[in-house]
C-alpha cells in the first residue's frame, strides 16, 4: 500500500513582502502515480477553499492578504487525496513612497507617504524612522520637506499604530532619499569651436545626474532663452551663427546653474585664390 503524499506550499518571491508587490502561492504534490491533481487553498485554518489553482497570484498585495496558507490535492477522476501541507506565513508590510522622486536636488519640495491597508482600522498614528533611528511622530500620513537640503537625505521607514486600539502594522520597507547640490551643466562643441561657413556644428549640454525630466534651455550672446533638446545641431553654419553660447537645465520648476560659456567662431571661405579672404567673427557682446 502506497503512502499518502503530502502537499508542499511555497511563496514566491518571498514570505515577507511589501504592499503592492506581486506574490504567488504554489502547491506541489509528489503524487507517486497520480497524473492530475485538483488543488485547494485555505487561509488561517478556514474550512472554505479560496482557490482551486496550483498557483494562486496576488497582483497587488495588501496587508489584508497576510496570513497562514496551506493546501492539499485531490486526484482528478480518482479517489486519492494528499495530506495537507504545512502552513506557510505571508507577511505584508506597510509601504513608504517618495514624491515626486527619490532623487532630488537641494531646494525641491519632497513628500514621504506611509500607506497601510489595515483591515478594519479606520485611523492610524504614524511613526517615522531615518537611518534606523526614530525621526518623528505624526497623525498625518504624509511628511513634507518644503525646501529639502542634503541633511534630509537618508533611509526612511514608517509603521502605524491604531489610534484607538491595540493593532500595529509591520515596519515598512526602507526607501532612500538622495539630495544633491544644484548641478552645473557642461557645454561641449563638436567638432570644434572655430569653423568655416557651410560647416556643421553640434553643441551638447550635459548634466551629471542621470535623472529624468530635464528641460534644456539655450541662450546665445545672453539673449532670451529657448527650450530645445540636450543636443543642438546647426547644419551649414553662417557667419551670423557665431557667438557665445551657454545652457542650463530645468526640472519641475527648479533651475540648475549656467554652464561655462563657449564661443563659436565662424570664418568666411575664400571665393577664389585671387580674392582677398576676410575672416568673419561675431563678437559675443553683439
C-alpha atoms as a PDB file:
ATOM      1  CA  UNK A   1       0.000   0.000   0.000  1.00  0.00           C
ATOM      2  CA  UNK A   2       1.477   3.346  -1.050  1.00  0.00           C
ATOM      3  CA  UNK A   3       1.936   6.181   1.398  1.00  0.00           C
ATOM      4  CA  UNK A   4      -0.361   9.192   1.199  1.00  0.00           C
ATOM      5  CA  UNK A   5       1.640  12.001  -0.467  1.00  0.00           C
ATOM      6  CA  UNK A   6       1.981  15.305   1.331  1.00  0.00           C
ATOM      7  CA  UNK A   7       1.384  18.657  -0.327  1.00  0.00           C
ATOM      8  CA  UNK A   8       4.007  21.393  -0.080  1.00  0.00           C
ATOM      9  CA  UNK A   9       3.107  25.102  -0.101  1.00  0.00           C
ATOM     10  CA  UNK A  10       5.624  27.742  -1.153  1.00  0.00           C
ATOM     11  CA  UNK A  11       5.507  31.527  -1.582  1.00  0.00           C
ATOM     12  CA  UNK A  12       7.396  33.415  -4.281  1.00  0.00           C
ATOM     13  CA  UNK A  13       9.310  35.695  -4.398  1.00  0.00           C
ATOM     14  CA  UNK A  14       9.439  35.673  -0.561  1.00  0.00           C
ATOM     15  CA  UNK A  15       7.265  35.140   2.501  1.00  0.00           C
ATOM     16  CA  UNK A  16       7.902  38.723   3.666  1.00  0.00           C
ATOM     17  CA  UNK A  17       6.778  41.216   1.025  1.00  0.00           C
ATOM     18  CA  UNK A  18       5.578  44.807   0.789  1.00  0.00           C
ATOM     19  CA  UNK A  19       2.274  46.362  -0.069  1.00  0.00           C
ATOM     20  CA  UNK A  20       1.710  46.452  -3.838  1.00  0.00           C
ATOM     21  CA  UNK A  21       4.051  43.557  -4.632  1.00  0.00           C
ATOM     22  CA  UNK A  22       3.044  40.593  -6.785  1.00  0.00           C
ATOM     23  CA  UNK A  23       3.091  37.333  -4.815  1.00  0.00           C
ATOM     24  CA  UNK A  24       2.431  33.750  -5.954  1.00  0.00           C
ATOM     25  CA  UNK A  25       1.410  30.781  -3.793  1.00  0.00           C
ATOM     26  CA  UNK A  26       2.308  27.375  -5.264  1.00  0.00           C
ATOM     27  CA  UNK A  27       1.183  23.894  -4.191  1.00  0.00           C
ATOM     28  CA  UNK A  28       3.373  20.921  -5.165  1.00  0.00           C
ATOM     29  CA  UNK A  29       2.474  17.253  -4.606  1.00  0.00           C
ATOM     30  CA  UNK A  30       4.750  14.319  -5.407  1.00  0.00           C
ATOM     31  CA  UNK A  31       1.862  12.046  -6.276  1.00  0.00           C
ATOM     32  CA  UNK A  32       3.558   8.710  -6.868  1.00  0.00           C
ATOM     33  CA  UNK A  33       1.496   7.771  -9.921  1.00  0.00           C
ATOM     34  CA  UNK A  34      -1.195  10.466  -9.799  1.00  0.00           C
ATOM     35  CA  UNK A  35      -1.254  12.267 -13.157  1.00  0.00           C
ATOM     36  CA  UNK A  36      -3.547  15.191 -12.319  1.00  0.00           C
ATOM     37  CA  UNK A  37      -4.444  16.936  -9.060  1.00  0.00           C
ATOM     38  CA  UNK A  38      -7.260  19.306  -8.139  1.00  0.00           C
ATOM     39  CA  UNK A  39      -5.799  21.789  -5.646  1.00  0.00           C
ATOM     40  CA  UNK A  40      -7.470  23.591  -2.752  1.00  0.00           C
ATOM     41  CA  UNK A  41      -6.055  26.575  -0.850  1.00  0.00           C
ATOM     42  CA  UNK A  42      -7.005  27.622   2.686  1.00  0.00           C
ATOM     43  CA  UNK A  43      -6.140  30.693   4.737  1.00  0.00           C
ATOM     44  CA  UNK A  44      -5.793  30.896   8.530  1.00  0.00           C
ATOM     45  CA  UNK A  45      -7.424  27.486   9.092  1.00  0.00           C
ATOM     46  CA  UNK A  46     -10.664  28.353   7.282  1.00  0.00           C
ATOM     47  CA  UNK A  47     -12.775  25.404   6.111  1.00  0.00           C
ATOM     48  CA  UNK A  48     -13.617  27.210   2.851  1.00  0.00           C
ATOM     49  CA  UNK A  49     -11.149  26.986  -0.026  1.00  0.00           C
ATOM     50  CA  UNK A  50     -10.448  30.336  -1.714  1.00  0.00           C
ATOM     51  CA  UNK A  51      -8.640  28.958  -4.776  1.00  0.00           C
ATOM     52  CA  UNK A  52      -8.502  25.746  -6.840  1.00  0.00           C
ATOM     53  CA  UNK A  53      -5.340  26.612  -8.778  1.00  0.00           C
ATOM     54  CA  UNK A  54      -1.916  25.089  -8.315  1.00  0.00           C
ATOM     55  CA  UNK A  55      -0.551  28.653  -8.412  1.00  0.00           C
ATOM     56  CA  UNK A  56      -2.575  31.497  -6.929  1.00  0.00           C
ATOM     57  CA  UNK A  57      -1.255  35.014  -7.597  1.00  0.00           C
ATOM     58  CA  UNK A  58      -1.945  38.266  -5.755  1.00  0.00           C
ATOM     59  CA  UNK A  59      -1.296  41.009  -8.327  1.00  0.00           C
ATOM     60  CA  UNK A  60      -1.105  43.938  -5.887  1.00  0.00           C
ATOM     61  CA  UNK A  61      -0.936  42.593  -2.395  1.00  0.00           C
ATOM     62  CA  UNK A  62      -2.258  44.390   0.700  1.00  0.00           C
ATOM     63  CA  UNK A  63      -1.914  43.834   4.439  1.00  0.00           C
ATOM     64  CA  UNK A  64      -5.304  42.062   4.441  1.00  0.00           C
ATOM     65  CA  UNK A  65      -3.714  39.272   2.339  1.00  0.00           C
ATOM     66  CA  UNK A  66      -1.227  38.461   5.103  1.00  0.00           C
ATOM     67  CA  UNK A  67      -1.825  35.181   6.944  1.00  0.00           C
ATOM     68  CA  UNK A  68      -1.080  31.456   7.147  1.00  0.00           C
ATOM     69  CA  UNK A  69      -1.721  29.484   3.948  1.00  0.00           C
ATOM     70  CA  UNK A  70      -1.973  25.735   3.357  1.00  0.00           C
ATOM     71  CA  UNK A  71      -3.090  23.484   0.514  1.00  0.00           C
ATOM     72  CA  UNK A  72      -3.915  19.905  -0.382  1.00  0.00           C
ATOM     73  CA  UNK A  73      -4.832  17.971  -3.525  1.00  0.00           C
ATOM     74  CA  UNK A  74      -7.473  15.515  -4.686  1.00  0.00           C
ATOM     75  CA  UNK A  75      -6.912  13.199  -7.655  1.00  0.00           C
ATOM     76  CA  UNK A  76      -8.894  14.260 -10.723  1.00  0.00           C
ATOM     77  CA  UNK A  77     -11.126  11.359 -11.760  1.00  0.00           C
ATOM     78  CA  UNK A  78      -9.948   9.255  -8.831  1.00  0.00           C
ATOM     79  CA  UNK A  79     -10.226   8.808  -5.097  1.00  0.00           C
ATOM     80  CA  UNK A  80      -6.761   9.628  -3.821  1.00  0.00           C
ATOM     81  CA  UNK A  81      -6.078  12.743  -1.753  1.00  0.00           C
ATOM     82  CA  UNK A  82      -2.886  14.206  -0.404  1.00  0.00           C
ATOM     83  CA  UNK A  83      -2.091  15.198   3.139  1.00  0.00           C
ATOM     84  CA  UNK A  84      -2.484  18.870   3.976  1.00  0.00           C
ATOM     85  CA  UNK A  85       0.673  20.913   3.522  1.00  0.00           C
ATOM     86  CA  UNK A  86       2.417  22.621   6.379  1.00  0.00           C
ATOM     87  CA  UNK A  87       1.227  26.217   6.681  1.00  0.00           C
ATOM     88  CA  UNK A  88       3.400  28.980   5.278  1.00  0.00           C
ATOM     89  CA  UNK A  89       3.129  32.524   6.635  1.00  0.00           C
ATOM     90  CA  UNK A  90       2.811  35.521   4.342  1.00  0.00           C
ATOM     91  CA  UNK A  91       3.761  38.844   5.957  1.00  0.00           C
ATOM     92  CA  UNK A  92       2.847  42.127   4.271  1.00  0.00           C
ATOM     93  CA  UNK A  93       4.456  45.351   5.469  1.00  0.00           C
ATOM     94  CA  UNK A  94       3.499  48.985   5.167  1.00  0.00           C
ATOM     95  CA  UNK A  95       4.977  50.840   2.238  1.00  0.00           C
ATOM     96  CA  UNK A  96       6.747  54.213   2.056  1.00  0.00           C
ATOM     97  CA  UNK A  97       6.678  56.228  -1.138  1.00  0.00           C
ATOM     98  CA  UNK A  98       8.506  59.450  -2.010  1.00  0.00           C
ATOM     99  CA  UNK A  99       7.067  62.080  -4.330  1.00  0.00           C
ATOM    100  CA  UNK A 100       7.942  63.474  -6.739  1.00  0.00           C
ATOM    101  CA  UNK A 101      11.121  61.348  -6.834  1.00  0.00           C
ATOM    102  CA  UNK A 102      13.662  59.587  -4.628  1.00  0.00           C
ATOM    103  CA  UNK A 103      16.445  61.555  -6.343  1.00  0.00           C
ATOM    104  CA  UNK A 104      16.090  65.325  -5.970  1.00  0.00           C
ATOM    105  CA  UNK A 105      18.297  68.369  -5.679  1.00  0.00           C
ATOM    106  CA  UNK A 106      18.509  70.970  -2.977  1.00  0.00           C
ATOM    107  CA  UNK A 107      15.520  73.310  -2.673  1.00  0.00           C
ATOM    108  CA  UNK A 108      12.859  70.974  -4.071  1.00  0.00           C
ATOM    109  CA  UNK A 109       9.706  70.015  -2.159  1.00  0.00           C
ATOM    110  CA  UNK A 110       9.620  66.325  -1.204  1.00  0.00           C
ATOM    111  CA  UNK A 111       6.802  64.326   0.425  1.00  0.00           C
ATOM    112  CA  UNK A 112       7.102  60.984   2.215  1.00  0.00           C
ATOM    113  CA  UNK A 113       3.886  58.950   2.382  1.00  0.00           C
ATOM    114  CA  UNK A 114       3.183  55.909   4.564  1.00  0.00           C
ATOM    115  CA  UNK A 115       0.493  53.546   3.216  1.00  0.00           C
ATOM    116  CA  UNK A 116      -1.054  50.923   5.490  1.00  0.00           C
ATOM    117  CA  UNK A 117      -4.047  48.921   4.307  1.00  0.00           C
ATOM    118  CA  UNK A 118      -5.221  47.687   7.703  1.00  0.00           C
ATOM    119  CA  UNK A 119      -8.430  45.683   7.542  1.00  0.00           C
ATOM    120  CA  UNK A 120     -10.925  47.191   9.979  1.00  0.00           C
ATOM    121  CA  UNK A 121      -8.638  50.026  11.093  1.00  0.00           C
ATOM    122  CA  UNK A 122     -10.067  53.485  10.356  1.00  0.00           C
ATOM    123  CA  UNK A 123      -7.313  55.663  11.827  1.00  0.00           C
ATOM    124  CA  UNK A 124      -3.553  55.238  12.176  1.00  0.00           C
ATOM    125  CA  UNK A 125      -0.894  57.220  14.024  1.00  0.00           C
ATOM    126  CA  UNK A 126       2.406  57.144  12.180  1.00  0.00           C
ATOM    127  CA  UNK A 127       5.979  56.839  13.408  1.00  0.00           C
ATOM    128  CA  UNK A 128       8.847  57.679  11.050  1.00  0.00           C
ATOM    129  CA  UNK A 129      12.423  56.442  11.214  1.00  0.00           C
ATOM    130  CA  UNK A 130      15.502  57.806   9.477  1.00  0.00           C
ATOM    131  CA  UNK A 131      18.653  55.713   9.107  1.00  0.00           C
ATOM    132  CA  UNK A 132      17.303  53.265  11.687  1.00  0.00           C
ATOM    133  CA  UNK A 133      16.617  55.871  14.421  1.00  0.00           C
ATOM    134  CA  UNK A 134      13.321  57.433  15.463  1.00  0.00           C
ATOM    135  CA  UNK A 135      12.723  60.590  13.424  1.00  0.00           C
ATOM    136  CA  UNK A 136       9.244  61.944  14.070  1.00  0.00           C
ATOM    137  CA  UNK A 137       5.749  61.006  15.205  1.00  0.00           C
ATOM    138  CA  UNK A 138       2.709  62.247  13.316  1.00  0.00           C
ATOM    139  CA  UNK A 139      -1.021  61.754  12.945  1.00  0.00           C
ATOM    140  CA  UNK A 140      -0.536  62.681   9.297  1.00  0.00           C
ATOM    141  CA  UNK A 141       0.055  60.065   6.642  1.00  0.00           C
ATOM    142  CA  UNK A 142       2.413  62.425   4.795  1.00  0.00           C
ATOM    143  CA  UNK A 143       5.607  64.135   5.906  1.00  0.00           C
ATOM    144  CA  UNK A 144       6.772  67.015   3.673  1.00  0.00           C
ATOM    145  CA  UNK A 145      10.123  68.795   3.319  1.00  0.00           C
ATOM    146  CA  UNK A 146       9.294  72.227   1.884  1.00  0.00           C
ATOM    147  CA  UNK A 147      12.868  73.004   0.779  1.00  0.00           C
ATOM    148  CA  UNK A 148      14.931  69.851   1.032  1.00  0.00           C
ATOM    149  CA  UNK A 149      18.646  70.005   1.917  1.00  0.00           C
ATOM    150  CA  UNK A 150      21.489  67.484   1.837  1.00  0.00           C
ATOM    151  CA  UNK A 151      20.977  66.867   5.580  1.00  0.00           C
ATOM    152  CA  UNK A 152      17.499  65.454   4.802  1.00  0.00           C
ATOM    153  CA  UNK A 153      18.988  62.664   2.689  1.00  0.00           C
ATOM    154  CA  UNK A 154      18.812  59.182   4.197  1.00  0.00           C
ATOM    155  CA  UNK A 155      16.909  55.915   4.518  1.00  0.00           C
ATOM    156  CA  UNK A 156      13.303  56.322   5.716  1.00  0.00           C
ATOM    157  CA  UNK A 157      10.759  53.830   7.046  1.00  0.00           C
ATOM    158  CA  UNK A 158       7.480  54.000   8.927  1.00  0.00           C
ATOM    159  CA  UNK A 159       4.929  51.999  10.850  1.00  0.00           C
ATOM    160  CA  UNK A 160       1.432  52.687  12.134  1.00  0.00           C
ATOM    161  CA  UNK A 161      -0.360  52.151  15.435  1.00  0.00           C
ATOM    162  CA  UNK A 162      -4.144  52.081  15.616  1.00  0.00           C
ATOM    163  CA  UNK A 163      -5.355  55.430  17.010  1.00  0.00           C
ATOM    164  CA  UNK A 164      -7.938  53.939  19.346  1.00  0.00           C
ATOM    165  CA  UNK A 165      -6.922  50.326  19.639  1.00  0.00           C
ATOM    166  CA  UNK A 166      -4.059  47.915  20.038  1.00  0.00           C
ATOM    167  CA  UNK A 167      -3.224  46.987  16.461  1.00  0.00           C
ATOM    168  CA  UNK A 168       0.168  47.846  14.992  1.00  0.00           C
ATOM    169  CA  UNK A 169       1.357  47.490  11.433  1.00  0.00           C
ATOM    170  CA  UNK A 170       4.559  45.823  10.336  1.00  0.00           C
ATOM    171  CA  UNK A 171       7.514  48.125   9.766  1.00  0.00           C
ATOM    172  CA  UNK A 172       7.608  49.402   6.206  1.00  0.00           C
ATOM    173  CA  UNK A 173      10.293  48.750   3.681  1.00  0.00           C
ATOM    174  CA  UNK A 174      13.120  51.293   3.590  1.00  0.00           C
ATOM    175  CA  UNK A 175      13.320  53.932   0.855  1.00  0.00           C
ATOM    176  CA  UNK A 176      16.358  56.071   0.190  1.00  0.00           C
ATOM    177  CA  UNK A 177      16.098  59.823  -0.381  1.00  0.00           C
ATOM    178  CA  UNK A 178      19.092  61.249  -2.244  1.00  0.00           C
ATOM    179  CA  UNK A 179      19.621  65.028  -2.250  1.00  0.00           C
ATOM    180  CA  UNK A 180      22.258  66.581  -4.497  1.00  0.00           C
ATOM    181  CA  UNK A 181      23.629  70.078  -4.779  1.00  0.00           C
ATOM    182  CA  UNK A 182      22.313  72.098  -7.722  1.00  0.00           C
ATOM    183  CA  UNK A 183      24.394  70.868 -10.674  1.00  0.00           C
ATOM    184  CA  UNK A 184      26.243  72.865 -13.316  1.00  0.00           C
ATOM    185  CA  UNK A 185      25.824  71.540 -16.865  1.00  0.00           C
ATOM    186  CA  UNK A 186      28.795  71.056 -19.172  1.00  0.00           C
ATOM    187  CA  UNK A 187      28.607  72.537 -22.674  1.00  0.00           C
ATOM    188  CA  UNK A 188      30.752  70.989 -25.415  1.00  0.00           C
ATOM    189  CA  UNK A 189      31.142  71.825 -29.112  1.00  0.00           C
ATOM    190  CA  UNK A 190      31.913  69.269 -31.829  1.00  0.00           C
ATOM    191  CA  UNK A 191      33.886  69.053 -33.982  1.00  0.00           C
ATOM    192  CA  UNK A 192      35.459  72.354 -32.844  1.00  0.00           C
ATOM    193  CA  UNK A 193      34.562  75.932 -31.947  1.00  0.00           C
ATOM    194  CA  UNK A 194      36.349  77.528 -34.960  1.00  0.00           C
ATOM    195  CA  UNK A 195      34.506  76.779 -38.208  1.00  0.00           C
ATOM    196  CA  UNK A 196      34.041  77.957 -41.770  1.00  0.00           C
ATOM    197  CA  UNK A 197      30.730  78.866 -43.344  1.00  0.00           C
ATOM    198  CA  UNK A 198      28.958  75.769 -44.626  1.00  0.00           C
ATOM    199  CA  UNK A 199      30.333  73.509 -41.907  1.00  0.00           C
ATOM    200  CA  UNK A 200      28.106  71.729 -39.369  1.00  0.00           C
ATOM    201  CA  UNK A 201      28.466  72.107 -35.616  1.00  0.00           C
ATOM    202  CA  UNK A 202      26.904  70.238 -32.688  1.00  0.00           C
ATOM    203  CA  UNK A 203      26.560  71.713 -29.199  1.00  0.00           C
ATOM    204  CA  UNK A 204      25.804  69.285 -26.358  1.00  0.00           C
ATOM    205  CA  UNK A 205      24.510  70.275 -22.917  1.00  0.00           C
ATOM    206  CA  UNK A 206      25.144  67.538 -20.331  1.00  0.00           C
ATOM    207  CA  UNK A 207      24.079  67.199 -16.695  1.00  0.00           C
ATOM    208  CA  UNK A 208      25.974  64.738 -14.492  1.00  0.00           C
ATOM    209  CA  UNK A 209      22.835  63.494 -12.712  1.00  0.00           C
ATOM    210  CA  UNK A 210      21.191  60.878 -14.948  1.00  0.00           C
ATOM    211  CA  UNK A 211      17.665  61.773 -13.839  1.00  0.00           C
ATOM    212  CA  UNK A 212      14.553  62.018 -15.955  1.00  0.00           C
ATOM    213  CA  UNK A 213      12.551  65.170 -16.536  1.00  0.00           C
ATOM    214  CA  UNK A 214      15.249  67.678 -17.524  1.00  0.00           C
ATOM    215  CA  UNK A 215      14.374  70.575 -19.846  1.00  0.00           C
ATOM    216  CA  UNK A 216      17.302  72.199 -21.642  1.00  0.00           C
ATOM    217  CA  UNK A 217      17.460  75.986 -22.008  1.00  0.00           C
ATOM    218  CA  UNK A 218      19.826  77.600 -24.516  1.00  0.00           C
ATOM    219  CA  UNK A 219      20.940  81.190 -24.947  1.00  0.00           C
ATOM    220  CA  UNK A 220      23.271  82.953 -27.360  1.00  0.00           C
ATOM    221  CA  UNK A 221      25.035  86.233 -26.573  1.00  0.00           C
ATOM    222  CA  UNK A 222      22.902  86.475 -23.389  1.00  0.00           C
ATOM    223  CA  UNK A 223      19.714  86.774 -25.432  1.00  0.00           C
ATOM    224  CA  UNK A 224      16.342  85.247 -24.486  1.00  0.00           C
ATOM    225  CA  UNK A 225      16.490  81.531 -23.651  1.00  0.00           C
ATOM    226  CA  UNK A 226      14.853  78.911 -25.840  1.00  0.00           C
ATOM    227  CA  UNK A 227      13.822  75.395 -24.795  1.00  0.00           C
ATOM    228  CA  UNK A 228      15.445  72.780 -27.007  1.00  0.00           C
ATOM    229  CA  UNK A 229      16.885  69.271 -26.848  1.00  0.00           C
ATOM    230  CA  UNK A 230      20.086  68.432 -24.975  1.00  0.00           C
ATOM    231  CA  UNK A 231      21.910  68.347 -28.325  1.00  0.00           C
ATOM    232  CA  UNK A 232      21.722  71.316 -30.677  1.00  0.00           C
ATOM    233  CA  UNK A 233      22.992  70.852 -34.253  1.00  0.00           C
ATOM    234  CA  UNK A 234      23.441  73.663 -36.771  1.00  0.00           C
ATOM    235  CA  UNK A 235      23.883  72.468 -40.333  1.00  0.00           C
ATOM    236  CA  UNK A 236      25.651  74.645 -42.902  1.00  0.00           C
ATOM    237  CA  UNK A 237      26.590  77.415 -40.468  1.00  0.00           C
ATOM    238  CA  UNK A 238      26.504  81.071 -41.411  1.00  0.00           C
ATOM    239  CA  UNK A 239      28.660  83.881 -40.053  1.00  0.00           C
ATOM    240  CA  UNK A 240      25.634  85.018 -38.011  1.00  0.00           C
ATOM    241  CA  UNK A 241      25.662  81.680 -36.153  1.00  0.00           C
ATOM    242  CA  UNK A 242      28.861  82.695 -34.398  1.00  0.00           C
ATOM    243  CA  UNK A 243      28.706  83.915 -30.839  1.00  0.00           C
ATOM    244  CA  UNK A 244      28.812  82.948 -27.178  1.00  0.00           C
ATOM    245  CA  UNK A 245      26.566  80.004 -26.230  1.00  0.00           C
ATOM    246  CA  UNK A 246      25.610  78.723 -22.820  1.00  0.00           C
ATOM    247  CA  UNK A 247      22.947  76.406 -21.411  1.00  0.00           C
ATOM    248  CA  UNK A 248      21.221  75.440 -18.201  1.00  0.00           C
ATOM    249  CA  UNK A 249      18.537  72.926 -17.304  1.00  0.00           C
ATOM    250  CA  UNK A 250      15.206  72.991 -15.514  1.00  0.00           C
ATOM    251  CA  UNK A 251      13.421  70.224 -13.593  1.00  0.00           C
ATOM    252  CA  UNK A 252       9.981  70.645 -12.027  1.00  0.00           C
ATOM    253  CA  UNK A 253      10.407  74.434 -11.988  1.00  0.00           C
ATOM    254  CA  UNK A 254      13.894  74.394 -10.424  1.00  0.00           C
ATOM    255  CA  UNK A 255      16.891  75.650 -12.411  1.00  0.00           C
ATOM    256  CA  UNK A 256      20.496  74.485 -12.458  1.00  0.00           C
ATOM    257  CA  UNK A 257      23.453  76.835 -12.715  1.00  0.00           C
ATOM    258  CA  UNK A 258      24.545  78.078 -16.152  1.00  0.00           C
ATOM    259  CA  UNK A 259      27.241  76.197 -17.985  1.00  0.00           C
ATOM    260  CA  UNK A 260      30.544  77.884 -18.722  1.00  0.00           C
ATOM    261  CA  UNK A 261      30.083  79.851 -21.977  1.00  0.00           C
ATOM    262  CA  UNK A 262      31.556  78.540 -25.225  1.00  0.00           C
ATOM    263  CA  UNK A 263      32.425  80.900 -28.078  1.00  0.00           C
ATOM    264  CA  UNK A 264      31.803  79.646 -31.613  1.00  0.00           C
ATOM    265  CA  UNK A 265      33.818  81.471 -34.288  1.00  0.00           C
ATOM    266  CA  UNK A 266      32.704  81.330 -37.932  1.00  0.00           C
ATOM    267  CA  UNK A 267      35.183  82.229 -40.691  1.00  0.00           C
ATOM    268  CA  UNK A 268      34.112  83.135 -44.237  1.00  0.00           C
ATOM    269  CA  UNK A 269      35.541  80.979 -47.020  1.00  0.00           C
ATOM    270  CA  UNK A 270      37.670  82.387 -49.846  1.00  0.00           C
ATOM    271  CA  UNK A 271      35.807  82.767 -53.147  1.00  0.00           C
ATOM    272  CA  UNK A 272      38.927  82.224 -55.283  1.00  0.00           C
ATOM    273  CA  UNK A 273      42.707  82.147 -54.942  1.00  0.00           C
ATOM    274  CA  UNK A 274      42.911  85.679 -56.353  1.00  0.00           C
ATOM    275  CA  UNK A 275      40.329  87.170 -53.975  1.00  0.00           C
ATOM    276  CA  UNK A 276      41.288  88.669 -50.649  1.00  0.00           C
ATOM    277  CA  UNK A 277      39.869  86.443 -47.899  1.00  0.00           C
ATOM    278  CA  UNK A 278      38.113  88.052 -44.954  1.00  0.00           C
ATOM    279  CA  UNK A 279      37.779  86.357 -41.589  1.00  0.00           C
ATOM    280  CA  UNK A 280      34.375  86.959 -40.023  1.00  0.00           C
ATOM    281  CA  UNK A 281      33.756  86.807 -36.299  1.00  0.00           C
ATOM    282  CA  UNK A 282      30.610  87.753 -34.416  1.00  0.00           C
ATOM    283  CA  UNK A 283      31.626  89.445 -31.189  1.00  0.00           C
ATOM    284  CA  UNK A 284      29.791  87.750 -28.261  1.00  0.00           C
ATOM    285  CA  UNK A 285      28.826  91.167 -26.910  1.00  0.00           C
ATOM    286  CA  UNK A 286      26.764  91.968 -30.027  1.00  0.00           C
END
